[in-house]
C-alpha atoms as a PDB file:
ATOM      1  CA  UNK A   1      93.848  42.580 -42.985  1.00  0.00           C
ATOM      2  CA  UNK A   2      91.339  43.568 -40.314  1.00  0.00           C
ATOM      3  CA  UNK A   3      88.053  45.445 -40.107  1.00  0.00           C
ATOM      4  CA  UNK A   4      88.029  47.507 -36.912  1.00  0.00           C
ATOM      5  CA  UNK A   5      84.332  47.998 -36.226  1.00  0.00           C
ATOM      6  CA  UNK A   6      83.882  50.772 -33.672  1.00  0.00           C
ATOM      7  CA  UNK A   7      80.206  50.371 -32.952  1.00  0.00           C
ATOM      8  CA  UNK A   8      77.207  49.706 -30.777  1.00  0.00           C
ATOM      9  CA  UNK A   9      76.200  46.519 -29.002  1.00  0.00           C
ATOM     10  CA  UNK A  10      72.564  46.198 -27.932  1.00  0.00           C
ATOM     11  CA  UNK A  11      70.201  43.744 -26.343  1.00  0.00           C
ATOM     12  CA  UNK A  12      67.152  43.709 -28.637  1.00  0.00           C
ATOM     13  CA  UNK A  13      63.690  43.143 -27.172  1.00  0.00           C
ATOM     14  CA  UNK A  14      61.634  42.042 -30.172  1.00  0.00           C
ATOM     15  CA  UNK A  15      57.829  42.046 -30.025  1.00  0.00           C
ATOM     16  CA  UNK A  16      55.633  40.776 -32.861  1.00  0.00           C
ATOM     17  CA  UNK A  17      52.475  42.900 -32.996  1.00  0.00           C
ATOM     18  CA  UNK A  18      49.396  43.230 -35.222  1.00  0.00           C
ATOM     19  CA  UNK A  19      50.134  46.940 -35.694  1.00  0.00           C
ATOM     20  CA  UNK A  20      52.346  49.627 -34.163  1.00  0.00           C
ATOM     21  CA  UNK A  21      51.055  50.705 -30.775  1.00  0.00           C
ATOM     22  CA  UNK A  22      49.084  53.966 -30.887  1.00  0.00           C
ATOM     23  CA  UNK A  23      49.050  56.813 -28.340  1.00  0.00           C
ATOM     24  CA  UNK A  24      47.178  55.712 -25.228  1.00  0.00           C
ATOM     25  CA  UNK A  25      46.860  52.119 -26.435  1.00  0.00           C
ATOM     26  CA  UNK A  26      47.810  49.021 -24.421  1.00  0.00           C
ATOM     27  CA  UNK A  27      48.388  46.064 -26.691  1.00  0.00           C
ATOM     28  CA  UNK A  28      49.477  42.450 -26.323  1.00  0.00           C
ATOM     29  CA  UNK A  29      52.254  41.075 -28.489  1.00  0.00           C
ATOM     30  CA  UNK A  30      51.947  37.745 -30.269  1.00  0.00           C
ATOM     31  CA  UNK A  31      55.532  36.729 -29.477  1.00  0.00           C
ATOM     32  CA  UNK A  32      58.688  37.984 -27.758  1.00  0.00           C
ATOM     33  CA  UNK A  33      62.400  37.375 -28.253  1.00  0.00           C
ATOM     34  CA  UNK A  34      65.507  38.796 -26.578  1.00  0.00           C
ATOM     35  CA  UNK A  35      68.427  38.700 -28.997  1.00  0.00           C
ATOM     36  CA  UNK A  36      71.797  40.266 -29.700  1.00  0.00           C
ATOM     37  CA  UNK A  37      71.510  43.462 -31.740  1.00  0.00           C
ATOM     38  CA  UNK A  38      72.802  46.978 -32.308  1.00  0.00           C
ATOM     39  CA  UNK A  39      74.008  48.151 -35.707  1.00  0.00           C
ATOM     40  CA  UNK A  40      77.625  47.725 -34.698  1.00  0.00           C
ATOM     41  CA  UNK A  41      77.223  44.198 -33.350  1.00  0.00           C
ATOM     42  CA  UNK A  42      75.067  43.157 -36.303  1.00  0.00           C
ATOM     43  CA  UNK A  43      77.690  44.384 -38.751  1.00  0.00           C
ATOM     44  CA  UNK A  44      80.461  42.619 -36.851  1.00  0.00           C
ATOM     45  CA  UNK A  45      78.497  39.369 -36.907  1.00  0.00           C
ATOM     46  CA  UNK A  46      77.886  39.785 -40.637  1.00  0.00           C
ATOM     47  CA  UNK A  47      81.592  40.410 -41.216  1.00  0.00           C
ATOM     48  CA  UNK A  48      82.514  37.329 -39.205  1.00  0.00           C
ATOM     49  CA  UNK A  49      79.941  35.142 -40.979  1.00  0.00           C
ATOM     50  CA  UNK A  50      81.308  36.423 -44.264  1.00  0.00           C
ATOM     51  CA  UNK A  51      84.697  35.140 -43.062  1.00  0.00           C
ATOM     52  CA  UNK A  52      86.328  38.533 -42.595  1.00  0.00           C
ATOM     53  CA  UNK A  53      88.782  39.225 -39.791  1.00  0.00           C
ATOM     54  CA  UNK A  54      86.766  41.615 -37.601  1.00  0.00           C
ATOM     55  CA  UNK A  55      87.714  43.235 -34.302  1.00  0.00           C
ATOM     56  CA  UNK A  56      84.800  44.890 -32.501  1.00  0.00           C
ATOM     57  CA  UNK A  57      85.497  48.015 -30.445  1.00  0.00           C
ATOM     58  CA  UNK A  58      82.691  48.939 -28.042  1.00  0.00           C
ATOM     59  CA  UNK A  59      81.333  48.609 -24.514  1.00  0.00           C
ATOM     60  CA  UNK A  60      78.791  46.580 -22.532  1.00  0.00           C
ATOM     61  CA  UNK A  61      77.696  46.309 -18.914  1.00  0.00           C
ATOM     62  CA  UNK A  62      80.194  44.283 -16.918  1.00  0.00           C
ATOM     63  CA  UNK A  63      77.541  41.723 -15.972  1.00  0.00           C
ATOM     64  CA  UNK A  64      76.503  40.907 -19.546  1.00  0.00           C
ATOM     65  CA  UNK A  65      79.092  38.236 -20.220  1.00  0.00           C
ATOM     66  CA  UNK A  66      76.622  36.324 -22.367  1.00  0.00           C
ATOM     67  CA  UNK A  67      76.896  39.083 -24.978  1.00  0.00           C
ATOM     68  CA  UNK A  68      80.651  38.632 -25.248  1.00  0.00           C
ATOM     69  CA  UNK A  69      80.192  34.882 -25.544  1.00  0.00           C
ATOM     70  CA  UNK A  70      77.633  35.241 -28.336  1.00  0.00           C
ATOM     71  CA  UNK A  71      79.947  37.514 -30.315  1.00  0.00           C
ATOM     72  CA  UNK A  72      82.858  35.128 -29.801  1.00  0.00           C
ATOM     73  CA  UNK A  73      80.698  32.199 -30.920  1.00  0.00           C
ATOM     74  CA  UNK A  74      79.946  34.081 -34.139  1.00  0.00           C
ATOM     75  CA  UNK A  75      83.693  34.548 -34.714  1.00  0.00           C
ATOM     76  CA  UNK A  76      84.072  38.192 -33.674  1.00  0.00           C
ATOM     77  CA  UNK A  77      87.267  39.311 -31.898  1.00  0.00           C
ATOM     78  CA  UNK A  78      86.037  40.862 -28.606  1.00  0.00           C
ATOM     79  CA  UNK A  79      89.388  41.849 -27.078  1.00  0.00           C
ATOM     80  CA  UNK A  80      88.603  45.582 -27.377  1.00  0.00           C
ATOM     81  CA  UNK A  81      85.096  45.495 -25.870  1.00  0.00           C
ATOM     82  CA  UNK A  82      85.163  47.371 -22.552  1.00  0.00           C
ATOM     83  CA  UNK A  83      83.089  46.200 -19.595  1.00  0.00           C
ATOM     84  CA  UNK A  84      81.612  49.140 -17.720  1.00  0.00           C
ATOM     85  CA  UNK A  85      79.090  49.925 -14.978  1.00  0.00           C
ATOM     86  CA  UNK A  86      76.625  51.609 -17.342  1.00  0.00           C
ATOM     87  CA  UNK A  87      73.754  49.392 -18.533  1.00  0.00           C
ATOM     88  CA  UNK A  88      74.272  47.809 -21.937  1.00  0.00           C
ATOM     89  CA  UNK A  89      72.520  49.501 -24.819  1.00  0.00           C
ATOM     90  CA  UNK A  90      69.169  48.062 -25.747  1.00  0.00           C
ATOM     91  CA  UNK A  91      66.339  48.407 -28.245  1.00  0.00           C
ATOM     92  CA  UNK A  92      62.584  47.941 -28.023  1.00  0.00           C
ATOM     93  CA  UNK A  93      61.405  46.693 -31.428  1.00  0.00           C
ATOM     94  CA  UNK A  94      57.826  46.336 -32.685  1.00  0.00           C
ATOM     95  CA  UNK A  95      57.480  44.069 -35.733  1.00  0.00           C
ATOM     96  CA  UNK A  96      54.291  43.887 -37.813  1.00  0.00           C
ATOM     97  CA  UNK A  97      53.092  41.065 -40.121  1.00  0.00           C
ATOM     98  CA  UNK A  98      54.136  43.255 -43.072  1.00  0.00           C
ATOM     99  CA  UNK A  99      57.768  43.053 -41.808  1.00  0.00           C
ATOM    100  CA  UNK A 100      57.780  46.742 -40.859  1.00  0.00           C
ATOM    101  CA  UNK A 101      59.551  47.682 -37.644  1.00  0.00           C
ATOM    102  CA  UNK A 102      59.465  50.530 -35.135  1.00  0.00           C
ATOM    103  CA  UNK A 103      62.470  50.890 -32.815  1.00  0.00           C
ATOM    104  CA  UNK A 104      63.262  52.743 -29.578  1.00  0.00           C
ATOM    105  CA  UNK A 105      66.975  52.868 -28.700  1.00  0.00           C
ATOM    106  CA  UNK A 106      68.754  53.379 -25.382  1.00  0.00           C
ATOM    107  CA  UNK A 107      72.469  54.115 -25.845  1.00  0.00           C
ATOM    108  CA  UNK A 108      73.736  53.052 -22.414  1.00  0.00           C
ATOM    109  CA  UNK A 109      77.276  51.658 -22.499  1.00  0.00           C
ATOM    110  CA  UNK A 110      77.557  52.483 -26.209  1.00  0.00           C
ATOM    111  CA  UNK A 111      78.211  56.101 -25.195  1.00  0.00           C
ATOM    112  CA  UNK A 112      81.069  55.332 -22.805  1.00  0.00           C
ATOM    113  CA  UNK A 113      83.898  54.994 -25.335  1.00  0.00           C
ATOM    114  CA  UNK A 114      87.025  56.935 -24.344  1.00  0.00           C
ATOM    115  CA  UNK A 115      89.481  58.880 -26.469  1.00  0.00           C
ATOM    116  CA  UNK A 116      92.438  56.965 -25.052  1.00  0.00           C
ATOM    117  CA  UNK A 117      90.797  53.620 -25.729  1.00  0.00           C
ATOM    118  CA  UNK A 118      89.853  54.403 -29.334  1.00  0.00           C
ATOM    119  CA  UNK A 119      93.216  55.992 -30.151  1.00  0.00           C
ATOM    120  CA  UNK A 120      95.055  52.970 -28.754  1.00  0.00           C
ATOM    121  CA  UNK A 121      93.077  50.615 -30.992  1.00  0.00           C
ATOM    122  CA  UNK A 122      93.663  52.745 -34.085  1.00  0.00           C
ATOM    123  CA  UNK A 123      97.409  52.744 -33.493  1.00  0.00           C
ATOM    124  CA  UNK A 124      97.303  49.152 -34.728  1.00  0.00           C
ATOM    125  CA  UNK A 125      95.508  49.978 -37.999  1.00  0.00           C
ATOM    126  CA  UNK A 126      97.351  49.932 -41.349  1.00  0.00           C
ATOM    127  CA  UNK A 127      96.511  50.860 -44.935  1.00  0.00           C
ATOM    128  CA  UNK A 128      95.430  47.235 -45.512  1.00  0.00           C
ATOM    129  CA  UNK A 129      92.653  47.602 -42.936  1.00  0.00           C
ATOM    130  CA  UNK A 130      89.171  49.094 -42.837  1.00  0.00           C
ATOM    131  CA  UNK A 131      87.722  51.131 -39.975  1.00  0.00           C
ATOM    132  CA  UNK A 132      83.917  50.971 -39.845  1.00  0.00           C
ATOM    133  CA  UNK A 133      81.610  53.241 -37.836  1.00  0.00           C
ATOM    134  CA  UNK A 134      77.886  53.827 -37.428  1.00  0.00           C
ATOM    135  CA  UNK A 135      76.195  56.635 -35.485  1.00  0.00           C
ATOM    136  CA  UNK A 136      75.190  54.783 -32.301  1.00  0.00           C
ATOM    137  CA  UNK A 137      78.301  55.486 -30.209  1.00  0.00           C
ATOM    138  CA  UNK A 138      79.927  58.608 -28.797  1.00  0.00           C
ATOM    139  CA  UNK A 139      83.092  60.217 -30.258  1.00  0.00           C
ATOM    140  CA  UNK A 140      81.919  59.533 -33.823  1.00  0.00           C
ATOM    141  CA  UNK A 141      83.367  62.658 -35.481  1.00  0.00           C
ATOM    142  CA  UNK A 142      86.626  62.415 -33.551  1.00  0.00           C
ATOM    143  CA  UNK A 143      87.011  58.706 -34.286  1.00  0.00           C
ATOM    144  CA  UNK A 144      86.515  59.197 -38.024  1.00  0.00           C
ATOM    145  CA  UNK A 145      89.240  61.845 -38.071  1.00  0.00           C
ATOM    146  CA  UNK A 146      91.606  59.610 -36.082  1.00  0.00           C
ATOM    147  CA  UNK A 147      90.789  56.665 -38.344  1.00  0.00           C
ATOM    148  CA  UNK A 148      91.636  58.640 -41.473  1.00  0.00           C
ATOM    149  CA  UNK A 149      94.922  59.729 -39.919  1.00  0.00           C
ATOM    150  CA  UNK A 150      95.789  56.073 -39.211  1.00  0.00           C
ATOM    151  CA  UNK A 151      96.022  55.377 -42.943  1.00  0.00           C
ATOM    152  CA  UNK A 152      93.259  52.768 -42.937  1.00  0.00           C
ATOM    153  CA  UNK A 153      90.301  52.906 -45.332  1.00  0.00           C
ATOM    154  CA  UNK A 154      87.280  54.410 -43.564  1.00  0.00           C
ATOM    155  CA  UNK A 155      83.631  53.378 -44.011  1.00  0.00           C
ATOM    156  CA  UNK A 156      80.760  55.212 -42.329  1.00  0.00           C
ATOM    157  CA  UNK A 157      77.122  54.173 -42.033  1.00  0.00           C
ATOM    158  CA  UNK A 158      75.612  57.298 -40.421  1.00  0.00           C
ATOM    159  CA  UNK A 159      72.525  55.742 -38.870  1.00  0.00           C
ATOM    160  CA  UNK A 160      70.626  57.157 -37.092  1.00  0.00           C
ATOM    161  CA  UNK A 161      71.253  59.993 -39.541  1.00  0.00           C
ATOM    162  CA  UNK A 162      72.635  63.309 -38.340  1.00  0.00           C
ATOM    163  CA  UNK A 163      73.069  65.290 -41.548  1.00  0.00           C
ATOM    164  CA  UNK A 164      75.089  68.107 -39.991  1.00  0.00           C
ATOM    165  CA  UNK A 165      77.550  65.735 -38.320  1.00  0.00           C
ATOM    166  CA  UNK A 166      77.852  63.644 -41.475  1.00  0.00           C
ATOM    167  CA  UNK A 167      78.620  66.609 -43.722  1.00  0.00           C
ATOM    168  CA  UNK A 168      81.290  67.663 -41.229  1.00  0.00           C
ATOM    169  CA  UNK A 169      83.101  64.302 -41.412  1.00  0.00           C
ATOM    170  CA  UNK A 170      82.778  63.525 -45.146  1.00  0.00           C
ATOM    171  CA  UNK A 171      86.405  64.606 -45.799  1.00  0.00           C
ATOM    172  CA  UNK A 172      87.571  61.758 -43.528  1.00  0.00           C
ATOM    173  CA  UNK A 173      85.484  59.032 -45.211  1.00  0.00           C
ATOM    174  CA  UNK A 174      86.412  56.760 -48.115  1.00  0.00           C
ATOM    175  CA  UNK A 175      83.084  54.919 -48.372  1.00  0.00           C
ATOM    176  CA  UNK A 176      79.770  56.382 -47.207  1.00  0.00           C
ATOM    177  CA  UNK A 177      76.902  53.872 -46.883  1.00  0.00           C
ATOM    178  CA  UNK A 178      73.445  55.477 -46.823  1.00  0.00           C
ATOM    179  CA  UNK A 179      69.910  54.958 -48.114  1.00  0.00           C
ATOM    180  CA  UNK A 180      68.406  57.160 -50.814  1.00  0.00           C
ATOM    181  CA  UNK A 181      66.653  59.523 -48.378  1.00  0.00           C
ATOM    182  CA  UNK A 182      69.846  60.042 -46.391  1.00  0.00           C
ATOM    183  CA  UNK A 183      71.833  60.676 -49.580  1.00  0.00           C
ATOM    184  CA  UNK A 184      69.347  63.299 -50.752  1.00  0.00           C
ATOM    185  CA  UNK A 185      69.390  64.978 -47.327  1.00  0.00           C
ATOM    186  CA  UNK A 186      73.181  65.186 -47.366  1.00  0.00           C
ATOM    187  CA  UNK A 187      73.266  66.590 -50.890  1.00  0.00           C
ATOM    188  CA  UNK A 188      70.297  68.885 -50.191  1.00  0.00           C
ATOM    189  CA  UNK A 189      68.794  67.378 -53.326  1.00  0.00           C
ATOM    190  CA  UNK A 190      65.228  66.526 -54.348  1.00  0.00           C
ATOM    191  CA  UNK A 191      66.034  63.421 -56.402  1.00  0.00           C
ATOM    192  CA  UNK A 192      68.373  60.440 -56.313  1.00  0.00           C
ATOM    193  CA  UNK A 193      69.970  61.539 -59.596  1.00  0.00           C
ATOM    194  CA  UNK A 194      70.741  64.971 -58.186  1.00  0.00           C
ATOM    195  CA  UNK A 195      72.301  63.398 -55.078  1.00  0.00           C
ATOM    196  CA  UNK A 196      74.440  61.105 -57.244  1.00  0.00           C
ATOM    197  CA  UNK A 197      75.692  64.147 -59.152  1.00  0.00           C
ATOM    198  CA  UNK A 198      76.150  66.607 -56.287  1.00  0.00           C
ATOM    199  CA  UNK A 199      77.986  64.451 -53.728  1.00  0.00           C
ATOM    200  CA  UNK A 200      80.897  63.471 -56.043  1.00  0.00           C
ATOM    201  CA  UNK A 201      81.164  67.086 -57.198  1.00  0.00           C
ATOM    202  CA  UNK A 202      81.417  68.396 -53.647  1.00  0.00           C
ATOM    203  CA  UNK A 203      83.564  65.529 -52.312  1.00  0.00           C
ATOM    204  CA  UNK A 204      85.680  64.158 -55.187  1.00  0.00           C
ATOM    205  CA  UNK A 205      87.529  61.653 -52.974  1.00  0.00           C
ATOM    206  CA  UNK A 206      84.307  60.159 -51.580  1.00  0.00           C
ATOM    207  CA  UNK A 207      82.577  56.986 -52.795  1.00  0.00           C
ATOM    208  CA  UNK A 208      78.920  56.480 -51.896  1.00  0.00           C
ATOM    209  CA  UNK A 209      77.008  53.227 -51.612  1.00  0.00           C
ATOM    210  CA  UNK A 210      73.292  54.020 -51.657  1.00  0.00           C
ATOM    211  CA  UNK A 211      70.874  51.258 -50.665  1.00  0.00           C
ATOM    212  CA  UNK A 212      67.552  51.375 -52.520  1.00  0.00           C
ATOM    213  CA  UNK A 213      65.468  48.732 -50.731  1.00  0.00           C
ATOM    214  CA  UNK A 214      63.701  46.460 -53.218  1.00  0.00           C
ATOM    215  CA  UNK A 215      65.517  48.263 -56.066  1.00  0.00           C
ATOM    216  CA  UNK A 216      68.913  47.063 -54.887  1.00  0.00           C
ATOM    217  CA  UNK A 217      71.965  49.260 -54.356  1.00  0.00           C
ATOM    218  CA  UNK A 218      73.833  51.948 -56.305  1.00  0.00           C
ATOM    219  CA  UNK A 219      77.525  52.801 -56.025  1.00  0.00           C
ATOM    220  CA  UNK A 220      78.834  56.103 -57.299  1.00  0.00           C
ATOM    221  CA  UNK A 221      81.982  58.180 -57.102  1.00  0.00           C
ATOM    222  CA  UNK A 222      83.758  60.707 -59.307  1.00  0.00           C
ATOM    223  CA  UNK A 223      84.930  57.844 -61.532  1.00  0.00           C
ATOM    224  CA  UNK A 224      82.134  55.229 -61.399  1.00  0.00           C
ATOM    225  CA  UNK A 225      78.369  54.811 -61.295  1.00  0.00           C
ATOM    226  CA  UNK A 226      76.853  51.340 -61.177  1.00  0.00           C
ATOM    227  CA  UNK A 227      73.756  49.622 -59.791  1.00  0.00           C
ATOM    228  CA  UNK A 228      73.032  46.061 -58.652  1.00  0.00           C
ATOM    229  CA  UNK A 229      69.432  44.798 -58.350  1.00  0.00           C
ATOM    230  CA  UNK A 230      67.954  43.265 -55.213  1.00  0.00           C
ATOM    231  CA  UNK A 231      66.765  39.661 -55.029  1.00  0.00           C
ATOM    232  CA  UNK A 232      63.024  39.014 -54.791  1.00  0.00           C
ATOM    233  CA  UNK A 233      62.176  37.167 -51.556  1.00  0.00           C
ATOM    234  CA  UNK A 234      59.270  37.094 -49.096  1.00  0.00           C
ATOM    235  CA  UNK A 235      60.381  39.213 -46.128  1.00  0.00           C
ATOM    236  CA  UNK A 236      59.544  38.343 -42.531  1.00  0.00           C
ATOM    237  CA  UNK A 237      61.786  40.777 -40.624  1.00  0.00           C
ATOM    238  CA  UNK A 238      63.954  43.518 -42.143  1.00  0.00           C
ATOM    239  CA  UNK A 239      65.652  44.526 -38.869  1.00  0.00           C
ATOM    240  CA  UNK A 240      69.235  43.588 -39.802  1.00  0.00           C
ATOM    241  CA  UNK A 241      69.003  43.749 -43.593  1.00  0.00           C
ATOM    242  CA  UNK A 242      71.188  46.825 -43.976  1.00  0.00           C
ATOM    243  CA  UNK A 243      73.727  45.643 -41.425  1.00  0.00           C
ATOM    244  CA  UNK A 244      74.004  42.272 -43.163  1.00  0.00           C
ATOM    245  CA  UNK A 245      74.588  44.051 -46.473  1.00  0.00           C
ATOM    246  CA  UNK A 246      77.349  46.228 -45.017  1.00  0.00           C
ATOM    247  CA  UNK A 247      79.163  43.336 -43.344  1.00  0.00           C
ATOM    248  CA  UNK A 248      79.195  41.122 -46.420  1.00  0.00           C
ATOM    249  CA  UNK A 249      80.079  44.002 -48.731  1.00  0.00           C
ATOM    250  CA  UNK A 250      83.105  45.055 -46.681  1.00  0.00           C
ATOM    251  CA  UNK A 251      84.196  41.437 -46.315  1.00  0.00           C
ATOM    252  CA  UNK A 252      84.210  41.063 -50.108  1.00  0.00           C
ATOM    253  CA  UNK A 253      86.085  44.340 -50.564  1.00  0.00           C
ATOM    254  CA  UNK A 254      88.619  43.176 -47.978  1.00  0.00           C
ATOM    255  CA  UNK A 255      89.143  40.033 -50.066  1.00  0.00           C
ATOM    256  CA  UNK A 256      89.843  42.161 -53.134  1.00  0.00           C
ATOM    257  CA  UNK A 257      86.497  41.848 -54.942  1.00  0.00           C
ATOM    258  CA  UNK A 258      85.355  44.728 -57.125  1.00  0.00           C
ATOM    259  CA  UNK A 259      82.376  46.816 -56.022  1.00  0.00           C
ATOM    260  CA  UNK A 260      79.890  45.119 -58.332  1.00  0.00           C
ATOM    261  CA  UNK A 261      80.757  41.653 -57.026  1.00  0.00           C
ATOM    262  CA  UNK A 262      80.791  42.881 -53.434  1.00  0.00           C
ATOM    263  CA  UNK A 263      77.350  44.469 -53.778  1.00  0.00           C
ATOM    264  CA  UNK A 264      75.809  41.411 -55.464  1.00  0.00           C
ATOM    265  CA  UNK A 265      77.112  39.135 -52.712  1.00  0.00           C
ATOM    266  CA  UNK A 266      75.891  41.554 -50.053  1.00  0.00           C
ATOM    267  CA  UNK A 267      72.438  41.809 -51.662  1.00  0.00           C
ATOM    268  CA  UNK A 268      72.172  38.030 -51.566  1.00  0.00           C
ATOM    269  CA  UNK A 269      73.122  37.944 -47.880  1.00  0.00           C
ATOM    270  CA  UNK A 270      70.573  40.646 -47.103  1.00  0.00           C
ATOM    271  CA  UNK A 271      67.874  38.778 -49.041  1.00  0.00           C
ATOM    272  CA  UNK A 272      68.430  35.673 -46.931  1.00  0.00           C
ATOM    273  CA  UNK A 273      68.444  37.671 -43.691  1.00  0.00           C
ATOM    274  CA  UNK A 274      65.025  39.245 -44.245  1.00  0.00           C
ATOM    275  CA  UNK A 275      63.409  35.816 -44.551  1.00  0.00           C
ATOM    276  CA  UNK A 276      64.393  35.098 -40.929  1.00  0.00           C
ATOM    277  CA  UNK A 277      63.419  36.573 -37.570  1.00  0.00           C
ATOM    278  CA  UNK A 278      65.701  38.649 -35.358  1.00  0.00           C
ATOM    279  CA  UNK A 279      68.822  40.702 -35.981  1.00  0.00           C
ATOM    280  CA  UNK A 280      72.179  38.924 -35.551  1.00  0.00           C
ATOM    281  CA  UNK A 281      70.593  35.417 -35.584  1.00  0.00           C
ATOM    282  CA  UNK A 282      69.111  36.087 -39.037  1.00  0.00           C
ATOM    283  CA  UNK A 283      72.473  36.733 -40.718  1.00  0.00           C
ATOM    284  CA  UNK A 284      73.516  33.895 -43.071  1.00  0.00           C
ATOM    285  CA  UNK A 285      76.897  32.256 -43.431  1.00  0.00           C
ATOM    286  CA  UNK A 286      79.104  32.759 -46.474  1.00  0.00           C
ATOM    287  CA  UNK A 287      78.340  29.163 -47.539  1.00  0.00           C
ATOM    288  CA  UNK A 288      74.596  29.915 -47.481  1.00  0.00           C
ATOM    289  CA  UNK A 289      75.118  33.039 -49.546  1.00  0.00           C
ATOM    290  CA  UNK A 290      77.292  31.182 -52.060  1.00  0.00           C
ATOM    291  CA  UNK A 291      74.613  28.479 -52.431  1.00  0.00           C
ATOM    292  CA  UNK A 292      71.906  31.122 -52.833  1.00  0.00           C
ATOM    293  CA  UNK A 293      73.844  32.896 -55.591  1.00  0.00           C
ATOM    294  CA  UNK A 294      74.518  29.626 -57.397  1.00  0.00           C
ATOM    295  CA  UNK A 295      70.767  29.012 -57.630  1.00  0.00           C
ATOM    296  CA  UNK A 296      70.183  32.419 -59.242  1.00  0.00           C
ATOM    297  CA  UNK A 297      72.207  31.611 -62.347  1.00  0.00           C
END
């Protein structure tokens, strides 16, 4: 069983600041880090740390071998990461003392995926596998359709959100992972309850996992509706919280856990991650998550 994660890989430039920079303002940062990031890479690292078999499909600049090495060191299969002439994707991140962040993205190599390359990878997918996508690469709609045709289970985390694109591809998705605002936008609803009613009515084969920040996460489909609370921790950096949740949740589902168990484990992993700085480096190991959960009982 494999999770084929067709997603972005970024170099994150992380600046700690007193407040978000304002128009016309020049401001010094209190610290700086350059770390591995990108929603795709973060989710692959989380999957690997959760002891899932994950194969990352993406692209980086041919000179950024250190990125490949970092992913390999985390346990990610990098055989399908292309090395191209385009600059690797990167992000400029401002982080405030309140753990709020402001991010500028440059797609770079993340938008150089080819139809032939993606189709070739998906030829190896089976109904025991998951295909995971975000919205930071090119060929998103096409890849979701090809993934569904492969017979694998398909998960989509449409961030940054494009509501029109997402509505178009919902028939090809088994599990949609969104926050409450994104869910309401997709359902054209004014409340969370309306979104939870409308989406299963319009897409009866779709399951939705809706993250609720400090209120935890809610899973709903035509047949089920359940919610798992978040863990109360003191956050330092929320940059990779959602990506950590997704990686650990899919890893648990791959192991055969039910959705409630998968979400509780993923909430624990996310809680640990926000107490640490950075994106991929903040993601805990499965052993750390297991120890954390044991202390909650």
